[in-house]
C-alpha atoms as a PDB file:
ATOM      1  CA  UNK A   1      82.508 -73.122   6.901  1.00  0.00           C
ATOM      2  CA  UNK A   2      84.654 -76.043   5.993  1.00  0.00           C
ATOM      3  CA  UNK A   3      86.149 -79.189   7.430  1.00  0.00           C
ATOM      4  CA  UNK A   4      88.583 -81.679   5.985  1.00  0.00           C
ATOM      5  CA  UNK A   5      86.695 -84.262   3.894  1.00  0.00           C
ATOM      6  CA  UNK A   6      83.511 -82.192   3.681  1.00  0.00           C
ATOM      7  CA  UNK A   7      82.094 -79.913   1.004  1.00  0.00           C
ATOM      8  CA  UNK A   8      82.468 -76.206   1.871  1.00  0.00           C
ATOM      9  CA  UNK A   9      79.302 -74.426   2.982  1.00  0.00           C
ATOM     10  CA  UNK A  10      78.764 -70.758   2.127  1.00  0.00           C
ATOM     11  CA  UNK A  11      75.687 -68.946   3.388  1.00  0.00           C
ATOM     12  CA  UNK A  12      74.290 -65.889   5.072  1.00  0.00           C
ATOM     13  CA  UNK A  13      72.518 -65.164   8.315  1.00  0.00           C
ATOM     14  CA  UNK A  14      70.565 -62.033   9.131  1.00  0.00           C
ATOM     15  CA  UNK A  15      69.877 -60.261  12.416  1.00  0.00           C
ATOM     16  CA  UNK A  16      66.178 -60.839  13.088  1.00  0.00           C
ATOM     17  CA  UNK A  17      66.053 -57.603  15.109  1.00  0.00           C
ATOM     18  CA  UNK A  18      67.076 -55.539  12.063  1.00  0.00           C
ATOM     19  CA  UNK A  19      64.353 -53.001  11.322  1.00  0.00           C
ATOM     20  CA  UNK A  20      64.689 -53.633   7.564  1.00  0.00           C
ATOM     21  CA  UNK A  21      64.215 -57.421   7.624  1.00  0.00           C
ATOM     22  CA  UNK A  22      60.731 -57.189   6.099  1.00  0.00           C
ATOM     23  CA  UNK A  23      61.563 -54.411   3.628  1.00  0.00           C
ATOM     24  CA  UNK A  24      63.431 -56.660   1.205  1.00  0.00           C
ATOM     25  CA  UNK A  25      60.806 -57.888  -1.269  1.00  0.00           C
ATOM     26  CA  UNK A  26      63.413 -58.882  -3.867  1.00  0.00           C
ATOM     27  CA  UNK A  27      65.244 -61.470  -1.775  1.00  0.00           C
ATOM     28  CA  UNK A  28      62.394 -62.492   0.580  1.00  0.00           C
ATOM     29  CA  UNK A  29      64.615 -63.669   3.423  1.00  0.00           C
ATOM     30  CA  UNK A  30      63.584 -67.081   4.731  1.00  0.00           C
ATOM     31  CA  UNK A  31      62.840 -67.069   8.483  1.00  0.00           C
ATOM     32  CA  UNK A  32      65.375 -69.863   9.051  1.00  0.00           C
ATOM     33  CA  UNK A  33      68.174 -67.449   8.058  1.00  0.00           C
ATOM     34  CA  UNK A  34      67.049 -64.832  10.596  1.00  0.00           C
ATOM     35  CA  UNK A  35      68.968 -65.344  13.825  1.00  0.00           C
ATOM     36  CA  UNK A  36      69.504 -63.626  17.152  1.00  0.00           C
ATOM     37  CA  UNK A  37      73.054 -62.467  17.740  1.00  0.00           C
ATOM     38  CA  UNK A  38      73.863 -62.495  21.457  1.00  0.00           C
ATOM     39  CA  UNK A  39      76.341 -60.259  23.301  1.00  0.00           C
ATOM     40  CA  UNK A  40      79.701 -61.993  23.603  1.00  0.00           C
ATOM     41  CA  UNK A  41      82.044 -61.396  26.519  1.00  0.00           C
ATOM     42  CA  UNK A  42      85.688 -62.298  26.869  1.00  0.00           C
ATOM     43  CA  UNK A  43      86.629 -62.067  23.174  1.00  0.00           C
ATOM     44  CA  UNK A  44      88.415 -58.873  22.187  1.00  0.00           C
ATOM     45  CA  UNK A  45      87.838 -59.576  18.476  1.00  0.00           C
ATOM     46  CA  UNK A  46      84.031 -59.925  18.613  1.00  0.00           C
ATOM     47  CA  UNK A  47      81.118 -58.186  20.301  1.00  0.00           C
ATOM     48  CA  UNK A  48      78.381 -60.667  19.342  1.00  0.00           C
ATOM     49  CA  UNK A  49      78.153 -64.423  18.988  1.00  0.00           C
ATOM     50  CA  UNK A  50      75.871 -66.947  17.327  1.00  0.00           C
ATOM     51  CA  UNK A  51      75.107 -70.526  18.313  1.00  0.00           C
ATOM     52  CA  UNK A  52      73.826 -72.478  15.325  1.00  0.00           C
ATOM     53  CA  UNK A  53      74.022 -76.082  14.132  1.00  0.00           C
ATOM     54  CA  UNK A  54      75.011 -76.686  10.528  1.00  0.00           C
ATOM     55  CA  UNK A  55      75.229 -79.969   8.654  1.00  0.00           C
ATOM     56  CA  UNK A  56      78.085 -80.499   6.220  1.00  0.00           C
ATOM     57  CA  UNK A  57      78.029 -83.158   3.489  1.00  0.00           C
ATOM     58  CA  UNK A  58      81.008 -85.426   2.843  1.00  0.00           C
ATOM     59  CA  UNK A  59      82.525 -84.958  -0.612  1.00  0.00           C
ATOM     60  CA  UNK A  60      81.385 -88.426  -1.736  1.00  0.00           C
ATOM     61  CA  UNK A  61      77.754 -87.722  -0.816  1.00  0.00           C
ATOM     62  CA  UNK A  62      77.827 -84.216  -2.310  1.00  0.00           C
ATOM     63  CA  UNK A  63      79.144 -85.506  -5.649  1.00  0.00           C
ATOM     64  CA  UNK A  64      76.280 -88.016  -5.921  1.00  0.00           C
ATOM     65  CA  UNK A  65      73.640 -85.429  -4.949  1.00  0.00           C
ATOM     66  CA  UNK A  66      74.896 -82.644  -7.256  1.00  0.00           C
END
């Protein structure tokens, strides 16, 4: 995700209904990254959607915190 004036955010989300979510001992997926994808209607390019709030940091703040 990105927005003008903000530092780009790159991350991953995982389907919490996936039968292999608890099999991955190496990466130990944090529960906050496990999400529920909901059926999406009216969009020919997608079958599922996700509603999630993300916070982006302005470049000035990110440079000080890095």
